[in-house]
Amino acid sequence: FCSLMDPSHMLLQRVLFWGDTFGLGAFSVIATMYAARMGYSYAVVMFCVLITCTTGGVVRDVLLRRPARVLHAHAEVYAETALAGGTAYMLSRACLLYTSPSPRDS
């Protein structure tokens, strides 16, 4: 078990990569849905997505005792990926591929 916890172990690296990938996608969509339901403009929605996802990346790195990779330009394209996910959700919402009730409709 201890050898699996070694950060250089390939299985652990793959699990962390895919967990981070799915987590980024989920948080990107959740932040977009919530901000869009509140009726904010596209720019505010994308700002919310950016802050939510990059903060999640920093928390991940702190919990894993690593330098915050999102703060290094050469390490990851975290913010761009979050914005792409939020934009994809907003485009699907604009094309009526997904509709969600607004809290103001109740």
PDB file of N, CA and C in Angstrom:
ATOM      1  N   PHE A   1       0.825  -1.203   0.000  1.00  0.00           N
ATOM      2  CA  PHE A   1       0.000   0.000   0.000  1.00  0.00           C
ATOM      3  C   PHE A   1       0.861   1.255   0.000  1.00  0.00           C
ATOM      4  N   CYS A   2       1.931   1.239   0.765  1.00  0.00           N
ATOM      5  CA  CYS A   2       2.778   2.431   0.845  1.00  0.00           C
ATOM      6  C   CYS A   2       3.403   2.771  -0.500  1.00  0.00           C
ATOM      7  N   SER A   3       3.703   1.752  -1.316  1.00  0.00           N
ATOM      8  CA  SER A   3       4.307   2.045  -2.615  1.00  0.00           C
ATOM      9  C   SER A   3       3.313   2.736  -3.543  1.00  0.00           C
ATOM     10  N   LEU A   4       2.005   2.522  -3.345  1.00  0.00           N
ATOM     11  CA  LEU A   4       1.003   3.202  -4.161  1.00  0.00           C
ATOM     12  C   LEU A   4       0.894   4.678  -3.807  1.00  0.00           C
ATOM     13  N   MET A   5       1.258   5.041  -2.602  1.00  0.00           N
ATOM     14  CA  MET A   5       1.163   6.432  -2.177  1.00  0.00           C
ATOM     15  C   MET A   5       2.358   7.254  -2.653  1.00  0.00           C
ATOM     16  N   ASP A   6       3.377   6.601  -3.203  1.00  0.00           N
ATOM     17  CA  ASP A   6       4.527   7.319  -3.747  1.00  0.00           C
ATOM     18  C   ASP A   6       4.061   8.156  -4.935  1.00  0.00           C
ATOM     19  N   PRO A   7       4.273   9.487  -4.901  1.00  0.00           N
ATOM     20  CA  PRO A   7       3.761  10.349  -5.976  1.00  0.00           C
ATOM     21  C   PRO A   7       4.290  10.002  -7.361  1.00  0.00           C
ATOM     22  N   SER A   8       5.395   9.281  -7.445  1.00  0.00           N
ATOM     23  CA  SER A   8       5.942   8.943  -8.751  1.00  0.00           C
ATOM     24  C   SER A   8       5.293   7.686  -9.332  1.00  0.00           C
ATOM     25  N   HIS A   9       4.439   7.040  -8.588  1.00  0.00           N
ATOM     26  CA  HIS A   9       3.794   5.818  -9.057  1.00  0.00           C
ATOM     27  C   HIS A   9       2.807   6.143 -10.184  1.00  0.00           C
ATOM     28  N   MET A  10       2.890   5.423 -11.290  1.00  0.00           N
ATOM     29  CA  MET A  10       2.090   5.727 -12.480  1.00  0.00           C
ATOM     30  C   MET A  10       0.589   5.559 -12.243  1.00  0.00           C
ATOM     31  N   LEU A  11       0.175   4.548 -11.511  1.00  0.00           N
ATOM     32  CA  LEU A  11      -1.253   4.330 -11.265  1.00  0.00           C
ATOM     33  C   LEU A  11      -1.850   5.494 -10.489  1.00  0.00           C
ATOM     34  N   LEU A  12      -1.142   5.922  -9.470  1.00  0.00           N
ATOM     35  CA  LEU A  12      -1.625   7.057  -8.674  1.00  0.00           C
ATOM     36  C   LEU A  12      -1.692   8.313  -9.526  1.00  0.00           C
ATOM     37  N   GLN A  13      -0.701   8.529 -10.373  1.00  0.00           N
ATOM     38  CA  GLN A  13      -0.709   9.699 -11.251  1.00  0.00           C
ATOM     39  C   GLN A  13      -1.905   9.668 -12.194  1.00  0.00           C
ATOM     40  N   ARG A  14      -2.219   8.503 -12.739  1.00  0.00           N
ATOM     41  CA  ARG A  14      -3.377   8.393 -13.637  1.00  0.00           C
ATOM     42  C   ARG A  14      -4.686   8.638 -12.906  1.00  0.00           C
ATOM     43  N   VAL A  15      -4.812   8.076 -11.716  1.00  0.00           N
ATOM     44  CA  VAL A  15      -6.038   8.270 -10.929  1.00  0.00           C
ATOM     45  C   VAL A  15      -6.211   9.749 -10.598  1.00  0.00           C
ATOM     46  N   LEU A  16      -5.143  10.402 -10.187  1.00  0.00           N
ATOM     47  CA  LEU A  16      -5.225  11.830  -9.865  1.00  0.00           C
ATOM     48  C   LEU A  16      -5.542  12.659 -11.107  1.00  0.00           C
ATOM     49  N   PHE A  17      -4.944  12.313 -12.252  1.00  0.00           N
ATOM     50  CA  PHE A  17      -5.208  13.049 -13.479  1.00  0.00           C
ATOM     51  C   PHE A  17      -6.670  12.943 -13.885  1.00  0.00           C
ATOM     52  N   TRP A  18      -7.194  11.715 -13.920  1.00  0.00           N
ATOM     53  CA  TRP A  18      -8.586  11.540 -14.354  1.00  0.00           C
ATOM     54  C   TRP A  18      -9.572  12.060 -13.323  1.00  0.00           C
ATOM     55  N   GLY A  19      -9.264  11.927 -12.042  1.00  0.00           N
ATOM     56  CA  GLY A  19     -10.120  12.515 -11.017  1.00  0.00           C
ATOM     57  C   GLY A  19     -10.169  14.026 -11.128  1.00  0.00           C
ATOM     58  N   ASP A  20      -9.018  14.623 -11.391  1.00  0.00           N
ATOM     59  CA  ASP A  20      -8.951  16.073 -11.580  1.00  0.00           C
ATOM     60  C   ASP A  20      -9.702  16.489 -12.835  1.00  0.00           C
ATOM     61  N   THR A  21      -9.594  15.701 -13.894  1.00  0.00           N
ATOM     62  CA  THR A  21     -10.281  16.015 -15.147  1.00  0.00           C
ATOM     63  C   THR A  21     -11.797  15.998 -14.967  1.00  0.00           C
ATOM     64  N   PHE A  22     -12.316  14.946 -14.362  1.00  0.00           N
ATOM     65  CA  PHE A  22     -13.766  14.864 -14.136  1.00  0.00           C
ATOM     66  C   PHE A  22     -14.240  15.912 -13.141  1.00  0.00           C
ATOM     67  N   GLY A  23     -13.431  16.180 -12.121  1.00  0.00           N
ATOM     68  CA  GLY A  23     -13.787  17.212 -11.153  1.00  0.00           C
ATOM     69  C   GLY A  23     -13.847  18.595 -11.786  1.00  0.00           C
ATOM     70  N   LEU A  24     -12.890  18.886 -12.652  1.00  0.00           N
ATOM     71  CA  LEU A  24     -12.893  20.174 -13.352  1.00  0.00           C
ATOM     72  C   LEU A  24     -14.138  20.311 -14.220  1.00  0.00           C
ATOM     73  N   GLY A  25     -14.473  19.249 -14.936  1.00  0.00           N
ATOM     74  CA  GLY A  25     -15.676  19.282 -15.772  1.00  0.00           C
ATOM     75  C   GLY A  25     -16.935  19.477 -14.949  1.00  0.00           C
ATOM     76  N   ALA A  26     -17.034  18.747 -13.841  1.00  0.00           N
ATOM     77  CA  ALA A  26     -18.221  18.852 -12.992  1.00  0.00           C
ATOM     78  C   ALA A  26     -18.346  20.243 -12.379  1.00  0.00           C
ATOM     79  N   PHE A  27     -17.266  20.756 -11.824  1.00  0.00           N
ATOM     80  CA  PHE A  27     -17.320  22.082 -11.211  1.00  0.00           C
ATOM     81  C   PHE A  27     -17.558  23.168 -12.246  1.00  0.00           C
ATOM     82  N   SER A  28     -17.037  22.982 -13.437  1.00  0.00           N
ATOM     83  CA  SER A  28     -17.263  23.953 -14.502  1.00  0.00           C
ATOM     84  C   SER A  28     -18.743  24.042 -14.846  1.00  0.00           C
ATOM     85  N   VAL A  29     -19.387  22.900 -15.007  1.00  0.00           N
ATOM     86  CA  VAL A  29     -20.815  22.883 -15.349  1.00  0.00           C
ATOM     87  C   VAL A  29     -21.667  23.364 -14.173  1.00  0.00           C
ATOM     88  N   ILE A  30     -21.333  22.937 -12.970  1.00  0.00           N
ATOM     89  CA  ILE A  30     -22.117  23.345 -11.795  1.00  0.00           C
ATOM     90  C   ILE A  30     -22.043  24.854 -11.586  1.00  0.00           C
ATOM     91  N   ALA A  31     -20.840  25.423 -11.701  1.00  0.00           N
ATOM     92  CA  ALA A  31     -20.703  26.877 -11.527  1.00  0.00           C
ATOM     93  C   ALA A  31     -21.445  27.620 -12.620  1.00  0.00           C
ATOM     94  N   THR A  32     -21.376  27.117 -13.850  1.00  0.00           N
ATOM     95  CA  THR A  32     -22.079  27.760 -14.955  1.00  0.00           C
ATOM     96  C   THR A  32     -23.583  27.694 -14.752  1.00  0.00           C
ATOM     97  N   MET A  33     -24.082  26.526 -14.366  1.00  0.00           N
ATOM     98  CA  MET A  33     -25.523  26.367 -14.153  1.00  0.00           C
ATOM     99  C   MET A  33     -26.015  27.319 -13.073  1.00  0.00           C
ATOM    100  N   TYR A  34     -25.299  27.368 -11.968  1.00  0.00           N
ATOM    101  CA  TYR A  34     -25.753  28.192 -10.848  1.00  0.00           C
ATOM    102  C   TYR A  34     -25.756  29.673 -11.216  1.00  0.00           C
ATOM    103  N   ALA A  35     -24.660  30.137 -11.816  1.00  0.00           N
ATOM    104  CA  ALA A  35     -24.580  31.559 -12.170  1.00  0.00           C
ATOM    105  C   ALA A  35     -25.589  31.917 -13.256  1.00  0.00           C
ATOM    106  N   ALA A  36     -25.796  31.018 -14.218  1.00  0.00           N
ATOM    107  CA  ALA A  36     -26.766  31.289 -15.287  1.00  0.00           C
ATOM    108  C   ALA A  36     -28.196  31.304 -14.740  1.00  0.00           C
ATOM    109  N   ARG A  37     -28.491  30.423 -13.803  1.00  0.00           N
ATOM    110  CA  ARG A  37     -29.828  30.411 -13.199  1.00  0.00           C
ATOM    111  C   ARG A  37     -30.131  31.692 -12.439  1.00  0.00           C
ATOM    112  N   MET A  38     -29.076  32.318 -11.930  1.00  0.00           N
ATOM    113  CA  MET A  38     -29.270  33.563 -11.190  1.00  0.00           C
ATOM    114  C   MET A  38     -29.493  34.740 -12.128  1.00  0.00           C
ATOM    115  N   GLY A  39     -29.353  34.513 -13.428  1.00  0.00           N
ATOM    116  CA  GLY A  39     -29.644  35.556 -14.394  1.00  0.00           C
ATOM    117  C   GLY A  39     -28.496  36.507 -14.688  1.00  0.00           C
ATOM    118  N   TYR A  40     -27.267  36.122 -14.347  1.00  0.00           N
ATOM    119  CA  TYR A  40     -26.122  36.987 -14.600  1.00  0.00           C
ATOM    120  C   TYR A  40     -25.752  36.993 -16.082  1.00  0.00           C
ATOM    121  N   SER A  41     -25.013  38.010 -16.477  1.00  0.00           N
ATOM    122  CA  SER A  41     -24.555  38.109 -17.865  1.00  0.00           C
ATOM    123  C   SER A  41     -23.495  37.048 -18.137  1.00  0.00           C
ATOM    124  N   TYR A  42     -23.199  36.867 -19.434  1.00  0.00           N
ATOM    125  CA  TYR A  42     -22.219  35.861 -19.835  1.00  0.00           C
ATOM    126  C   TYR A  42     -20.853  36.124 -19.196  1.00  0.00           C
ATOM    127  N   ALA A  43     -20.420  37.372 -19.149  1.00  0.00           N
ATOM    128  CA  ALA A  43     -19.111  37.704 -18.579  1.00  0.00           C
ATOM    129  C   ALA A  43     -19.047  37.349 -17.094  1.00  0.00           C
ATOM    130  N   VAL A  44     -20.100  37.633 -16.356  1.00  0.00           N
ATOM    131  CA  VAL A  44     -20.130  37.309 -14.926  1.00  0.00           C
ATOM    132  C   VAL A  44     -20.166  35.802 -14.728  1.00  0.00           C
ATOM    133  N   VAL A  45     -20.928  35.095 -15.567  1.00  0.00           N
ATOM    134  CA  VAL A  45     -20.994  33.638 -15.474  1.00  0.00           C
ATOM    135  C   VAL A  45     -19.608  33.037 -15.694  1.00  0.00           C
ATOM    136  N   MET A  46     -18.894  33.493 -16.715  1.00  0.00           N
ATOM    137  CA  MET A  46     -17.564  32.965 -17.008  1.00  0.00           C
ATOM    138  C   MET A  46     -16.570  33.313 -15.907  1.00  0.00           C
ATOM    139  N   PHE A  47     -16.725  34.477 -15.283  1.00  0.00           N
ATOM    140  CA  PHE A  47     -15.872  34.837 -14.154  1.00  0.00           C
ATOM    141  C   PHE A  47     -16.114  33.884 -12.985  1.00  0.00           C
ATOM    142  N   CYS A  48     -17.374  33.565 -12.719  1.00  0.00           N
ATOM    143  CA  CYS A  48     -17.706  32.620 -11.645  1.00  0.00           C
ATOM    144  C   CYS A  48     -17.108  31.243 -11.920  1.00  0.00           C
ATOM    145  N   VAL A  49     -17.188  30.802 -13.176  1.00  0.00           N
ATOM    146  CA  VAL A  49     -16.610  29.512 -13.556  1.00  0.00           C
ATOM    147  C   VAL A  49     -15.099  29.534 -13.339  1.00  0.00           C
ATOM    148  N   LEU A  50     -14.456  30.586 -13.760  1.00  0.00           N
ATOM    149  CA  LEU A  50     -13.014  30.706 -13.646  1.00  0.00           C
ATOM    150  C   LEU A  50     -12.571  30.669 -12.189  1.00  0.00           C
ATOM    151  N   ILE A  51     -13.237  31.432 -11.352  1.00  0.00           N
ATOM    152  CA  ILE A  51     -12.866  31.483  -9.934  1.00  0.00           C
ATOM    153  C   ILE A  51     -13.131  30.145  -9.254  1.00  0.00           C
ATOM    154  N   THR A  52     -14.279  29.533  -9.521  1.00  0.00           N
ATOM    155  CA  THR A  52     -14.619  28.261  -8.895  1.00  0.00           C
ATOM    156  C   THR A  52     -13.614  27.175  -9.257  1.00  0.00           C
ATOM    157  N   CYS A  53     -13.299  27.066 -10.523  1.00  0.00           N
ATOM    158  CA  CYS A  53     -12.427  25.980 -10.969  1.00  0.00           C
ATOM    159  C   CYS A  53     -10.965  26.190 -10.590  1.00  0.00           C
ATOM    160  N   THR A  54     -10.466  27.386 -10.716  1.00  0.00           N
ATOM    161  CA  THR A  54      -9.063  27.605 -10.360  1.00  0.00           C
ATOM    162  C   THR A  54      -8.852  27.505  -8.851  1.00  0.00           C
ATOM    163  N   THR A  55      -9.822  27.948  -8.069  1.00  0.00           N
ATOM    164  CA  THR A  55      -9.713  27.789  -6.621  1.00  0.00           C
ATOM    165  C   THR A  55      -9.723  26.314  -6.248  1.00  0.00           C
ATOM    166  N   GLY A  56     -10.534  25.521  -6.933  1.00  0.00           N
ATOM    167  CA  GLY A  56     -10.543  24.079  -6.702  1.00  0.00           C
ATOM    168  C   GLY A  56      -9.191  23.456  -7.007  1.00  0.00           C
ATOM    169  N   GLY A  57      -8.526  23.926  -8.058  1.00  0.00           N
ATOM    170  CA  GLY A  57      -7.191  23.425  -8.391  1.00  0.00           C
ATOM    171  C   GLY A  57      -6.163  23.786  -7.336  1.00  0.00           C
ATOM    172  N   VAL A  58      -6.255  24.981  -6.803  1.00  0.00           N
ATOM    173  CA  VAL A  58      -5.328  25.400  -5.744  1.00  0.00           C
ATOM    174  C   VAL A  58      -5.562  24.571  -4.486  1.00  0.00           C
ATOM    175  N   VAL A  59      -6.821  24.337  -4.128  1.00  0.00           N
ATOM    176  CA  VAL A  59      -7.132  23.523  -2.947  1.00  0.00           C
ATOM    177  C   VAL A  59      -6.585  22.106  -3.132  1.00  0.00           C
ATOM    178  N   ARG A  60      -6.771  21.542  -4.338  1.00  0.00           N
ATOM    179  CA  ARG A  60      -6.238  20.209  -4.627  1.00  0.00           C
ATOM    180  C   ARG A  60      -4.739  20.166  -4.390  1.00  0.00           C
ATOM    181  N   ASP A  61      -4.027  21.155  -4.915  1.00  0.00           N
ATOM    182  CA  ASP A  61      -2.572  21.162  -4.776  1.00  0.00           C
ATOM    183  C   ASP A  61      -2.136  21.350  -3.329  1.00  0.00           C
ATOM    184  N   VAL A  62      -2.856  22.158  -2.578  1.00  0.00           N
ATOM    185  CA  VAL A  62      -2.526  22.341  -1.159  1.00  0.00           C
ATOM    186  C   VAL A  62      -2.743  21.039  -0.393  1.00  0.00           C
ATOM    187  N   LEU A  63      -3.841  20.350  -0.672  1.00  0.00           N
ATOM    188  CA  LEU A  63      -4.107  19.089   0.025  1.00  0.00           C
ATOM    189  C   LEU A  63      -3.085  18.012  -0.333  1.00  0.00           C
ATOM    190  N   LEU A  64      -2.569  18.056  -1.551  1.00  0.00           N
ATOM    191  CA  LEU A  64      -1.550  17.086  -1.976  1.00  0.00           C
ATOM    192  C   LEU A  64      -0.128  17.556  -1.672  1.00  0.00           C
ATOM    193  N   ARG A  65      -0.017  18.710  -1.004  1.00  0.00           N
ATOM    194  CA  ARG A  65       1.278  19.292  -0.612  1.00  0.00           C
ATOM    195  C   ARG A  65       2.186  19.503  -1.819  1.00  0.00           C
ATOM    196  N   ARG A  66       1.606  20.065  -2.878  1.00  0.00           N
ATOM    197  CA  ARG A  66       2.363  20.389  -4.089  1.00  0.00           C
ATOM    198  C   ARG A  66       2.302  21.895  -4.303  1.00  0.00           C
ATOM    199  N   PRO A  67       3.231  22.432  -5.079  1.00  0.00           N
ATOM    200  CA  PRO A  67       3.111  23.847  -5.451  1.00  0.00           C
ATOM    201  C   PRO A  67       1.843  24.033  -6.288  1.00  0.00           C
ATOM    202  N   ALA A  68       1.182  25.139  -6.118  1.00  0.00           N
ATOM    203  CA  ALA A  68      -0.068  25.386  -6.859  1.00  0.00           C
ATOM    204  C   ALA A  68       0.241  25.463  -8.347  1.00  0.00           C
ATOM    205  N   ARG A  69      -0.149  24.435  -9.090  1.00  0.00           N
ATOM    206  CA  ARG A  69       0.187  24.348 -10.509  1.00  0.00           C
ATOM    207  C   ARG A  69      -0.538  25.381 -11.344  1.00  0.00           C
ATOM    208  N   VAL A  70      -1.681  25.831 -10.888  1.00  0.00           N
ATOM    209  CA  VAL A  70      -2.444  26.798 -11.667  1.00  0.00           C
ATOM    210  C   VAL A  70      -1.741  28.155 -11.719  1.00  0.00           C
ATOM    211  N   LEU A  71      -0.823  28.396 -10.800  1.00  0.00           N
ATOM    212  CA  LEU A  71      -0.104  29.667 -10.760  1.00  0.00           C
ATOM    213  C   LEU A  71       1.121  29.690 -11.672  1.00  0.00           C
ATOM    214  N   HIS A  72       1.458  28.548 -12.262  1.00  0.00           N
ATOM    215  CA  HIS A  72       2.607  28.457 -13.168  1.00  0.00           C
ATOM    216  C   HIS A  72       2.088  28.330 -14.590  1.00  0.00           C
ATOM    217  N   ALA A  73       2.483  29.237 -15.454  1.00  0.00           N
ATOM    218  CA  ALA A  73       1.959  29.288 -16.821  1.00  0.00           C
ATOM    219  C   ALA A  73       2.290  28.039 -17.625  1.00  0.00           C
ATOM    220  N   HIS A  74       3.381  27.379 -17.342  1.00  0.00           N
ATOM    221  CA  HIS A  74       3.794  26.233 -18.145  1.00  0.00           C
ATOM    222  C   HIS A  74       3.247  24.905 -17.634  1.00  0.00           C
ATOM    223  N   ALA A  75       2.603  24.896 -16.475  1.00  0.00           N
ATOM    224  CA  ALA A  75       2.214  23.632 -15.853  1.00  0.00           C
ATOM    225  C   ALA A  75       0.882  23.084 -16.367  1.00  0.00           C
ATOM    226  N   GLU A  76      -0.151  23.884 -16.432  1.00  0.00           N
ATOM    227  CA  GLU A  76      -1.473  23.403 -16.818  1.00  0.00           C
ATOM    228  C   GLU A  76      -2.233  24.487 -17.563  1.00  0.00           C
ATOM    229  N   VAL A  77      -3.216  24.065 -18.305  1.00  0.00           N
ATOM    230  CA  VAL A  77      -4.141  24.996 -18.961  1.00  0.00           C
ATOM    231  C   VAL A  77      -5.488  24.875 -18.251  1.00  0.00           C
ATOM    232  N   TYR A  78      -5.458  25.106 -16.958  1.00  0.00           N
ATOM    233  CA  TYR A  78      -6.625  24.888 -16.112  1.00  0.00           C
ATOM    234  C   TYR A  78      -7.722  25.916 -16.367  1.00  0.00           C
ATOM    235  N   ALA A  79      -7.361  27.173 -16.410  1.00  0.00           N
ATOM    236  CA  ALA A  79      -8.365  28.223 -16.578  1.00  0.00           C
ATOM    237  C   ALA A  79      -9.015  28.149 -17.947  1.00  0.00           C
ATOM    238  N   GLU A  80      -8.221  27.886 -18.975  1.00  0.00           N
ATOM    239  CA  GLU A  80      -8.776  27.799 -20.327  1.00  0.00           C
ATOM    240  C   GLU A  80      -9.744  26.643 -20.459  1.00  0.00           C
ATOM    241  N   THR A  81      -9.425  25.529 -19.823  1.00  0.00           N
ATOM    242  CA  THR A  81     -10.302  24.364 -19.866  1.00  0.00           C
ATOM    243  C   THR A  81     -11.618  24.655 -19.152  1.00  0.00           C
ATOM    244  N   ALA A  82     -11.551  25.334 -18.015  1.00  0.00           N
ATOM    245  CA  ALA A  82     -12.768  25.688 -17.286  1.00  0.00           C
ATOM    246  C   ALA A  82     -13.648  26.616 -18.112  1.00  0.00           C
ATOM    247  N   LEU A  83     -13.027  27.607 -18.753  1.00  0.00           N
ATOM    248  CA  LEU A  83     -13.792  28.530 -19.590  1.00  0.00           C
ATOM    249  C   LEU A  83     -14.397  27.822 -20.800  1.00  0.00           C
ATOM    250  N   ALA A  84     -13.683  26.870 -21.366  1.00  0.00           N
ATOM    251  CA  ALA A  84     -14.222  26.108 -22.499  1.00  0.00           C
ATOM    252  C   ALA A  84     -15.430  25.273 -22.064  1.00  0.00           C
ATOM    253  N   GLY A  85     -15.361  24.673 -20.888  1.00  0.00           N
ATOM    254  CA  GLY A  85     -16.491  23.908 -20.373  1.00  0.00           C
ATOM    255  C   GLY A  85     -17.698  24.788 -20.097  1.00  0.00           C
ATOM    256  N   GLY A  86     -17.464  25.943 -19.506  1.00  0.00           N
ATOM    257  CA  GLY A  86     -18.558  26.879 -19.248  1.00  0.00           C
ATOM    258  C   GLY A  86     -19.178  27.404 -20.521  1.00  0.00           C
ATOM    259  N   THR A  87     -18.339  27.682 -21.506  1.00  0.00           N
ATOM    260  CA  THR A  87     -18.840  28.155 -22.800  1.00  0.00           C
ATOM    261  C   THR A  87     -19.654  27.073 -23.491  1.00  0.00           C
ATOM    262  N   ALA A  88     -19.188  25.831 -23.433  1.00  0.00           N
ATOM    263  CA  ALA A  88     -19.937  24.723 -24.048  1.00  0.00           C
ATOM    264  C   ALA A  88     -21.307  24.577 -23.399  1.00  0.00           C
ATOM    265  N   TYR A  89     -21.370  24.716 -22.082  1.00  0.00           N
ATOM    266  CA  TYR A  89     -22.664  24.626 -21.401  1.00  0.00           C
ATOM    267  C   TYR A  89     -23.571  25.787 -21.814  1.00  0.00           C
ATOM    268  N   MET A  90     -23.012  27.001 -21.863  1.00  0.00           N
ATOM    269  CA  MET A  90     -23.829  28.161 -22.235  1.00  0.00           C
ATOM    270  C   MET A  90     -24.324  28.051 -23.671  1.00  0.00           C
ATOM    271  N   LEU A  91     -23.502  27.498 -24.560  1.00  0.00           N
ATOM    272  CA  LEU A  91     -23.937  27.296 -25.941  1.00  0.00           C
ATOM    273  C   LEU A  91     -25.062  26.266 -26.019  1.00  0.00           C
ATOM    274  N   SER A  92     -24.933  25.186 -25.247  1.00  0.00           N
ATOM    275  CA  SER A  92     -26.008  24.189 -25.261  1.00  0.00           C
ATOM    276  C   SER A  92     -27.280  24.757 -24.652  1.00  0.00           C
ATOM    277  N   ARG A  93     -27.137  25.600 -23.663  1.00  0.00           N
ATOM    278  CA  ARG A  93     -28.309  26.254 -23.050  1.00  0.00           C
ATOM    279  C   ARG A  93     -28.956  27.224 -24.042  1.00  0.00           C
ATOM    280  N   ALA A  94     -28.124  27.953 -24.809  1.00  0.00           N
ATOM    281  CA  ALA A  94     -28.645  28.904 -25.790  1.00  0.00           C
ATOM    282  C   ALA A  94     -29.348  28.181 -26.935  1.00  0.00           C
ATOM    283  N   CYS A  95     -28.880  26.989 -27.266  1.00  0.00           N
ATOM    284  CA  CYS A  95     -29.496  26.201 -28.339  1.00  0.00           C
ATOM    285  C   CYS A  95     -30.649  25.346 -27.818  1.00  0.00           C
ATOM    286  N   LEU A  96     -31.011  25.541 -26.554  1.00  0.00           N
ATOM    287  CA  LEU A  96     -32.104  24.815 -25.897  1.00  0.00           C
ATOM    288  C   LEU A  96     -31.864  23.316 -25.845  1.00  0.00           C
ATOM    289  N   LEU A  97     -30.590  22.915 -25.804  1.00  0.00           N
ATOM    290  CA  LEU A  97     -30.290  21.507 -25.606  1.00  0.00           C
ATOM    291  C   LEU A  97     -30.515  21.125 -24.152  1.00  0.00           C
ATOM    292  N   TYR A  98     -30.435  22.105 -23.270  1.00  0.00           N
ATOM    293  CA  TYR A  98     -30.699  21.876 -21.862  1.00  0.00           C
ATOM    294  C   TYR A  98     -31.370  23.110 -21.317  1.00  0.00           C
ATOM    295  N   THR A  99     -32.449  22.907 -20.631  1.00  0.00           N
ATOM    296  CA  THR A  99     -33.108  24.031 -19.947  1.00  0.00           C
ATOM    297  C   THR A  99     -33.261  23.675 -18.487  1.00  0.00           C
ATOM    298  N   SER A 100     -33.027  24.630 -17.647  1.00  0.00           N
ATOM    299  CA  SER A 100     -33.198  24.421 -16.216  1.00  0.00           C
ATOM    300  C   SER A 100     -34.072  25.542 -15.690  1.00  0.00           C
ATOM    301  N   PRO A 101     -34.912  25.225 -14.730  1.00  0.00           N
ATOM    302  CA  PRO A 101     -35.785  26.263 -14.187  1.00  0.00           C
ATOM    303  C   PRO A 101     -34.985  27.309 -13.424  1.00  0.00           C
ATOM    304  N   SER A 102     -35.398  28.524 -13.552  1.00  0.00           N
ATOM    305  CA  SER A 102     -34.779  29.620 -12.833  1.00  0.00           C
ATOM    306  C   SER A 102     -35.404  29.701 -11.437  1.00  0.00           C
ATOM    307  N   PRO A 103     -34.630  30.056 -10.411  1.00  0.00           N
ATOM    308  CA  PRO A 103     -35.219  30.198  -9.079  1.00  0.00           C
ATOM    309  C   PRO A 103     -36.287  31.305  -9.043  1.00  0.00           C
ATOM    310  N   ARG A 104     -36.213  32.201  -9.994  1.00  0.00           N
ATOM    311  CA  ARG A 104     -37.192  33.293 -10.041  1.00  0.00           C
ATOM    312  C   ARG A 104     -38.533  32.823 -10.582  1.00  0.00           C
ATOM    313  N   ASP A 105     -38.571  31.628 -11.221  1.00  0.00           N
ATOM    314  CA  ASP A 105     -39.807  31.109 -11.781  1.00  0.00           C
ATOM    315  C   ASP A 105     -40.730  30.518 -10.707  1.00  0.00           C
ATOM    316  N   SER A 106     -40.193  30.259  -9.522  1.00  0.00           N
ATOM    317  CA  SER A 106     -41.028  29.624  -8.488  1.00  0.00           C
ATOM    318  C   SER A 106     -41.929  30.581  -7.783  1.00  0.00           C
TER     319      SER A 106
END
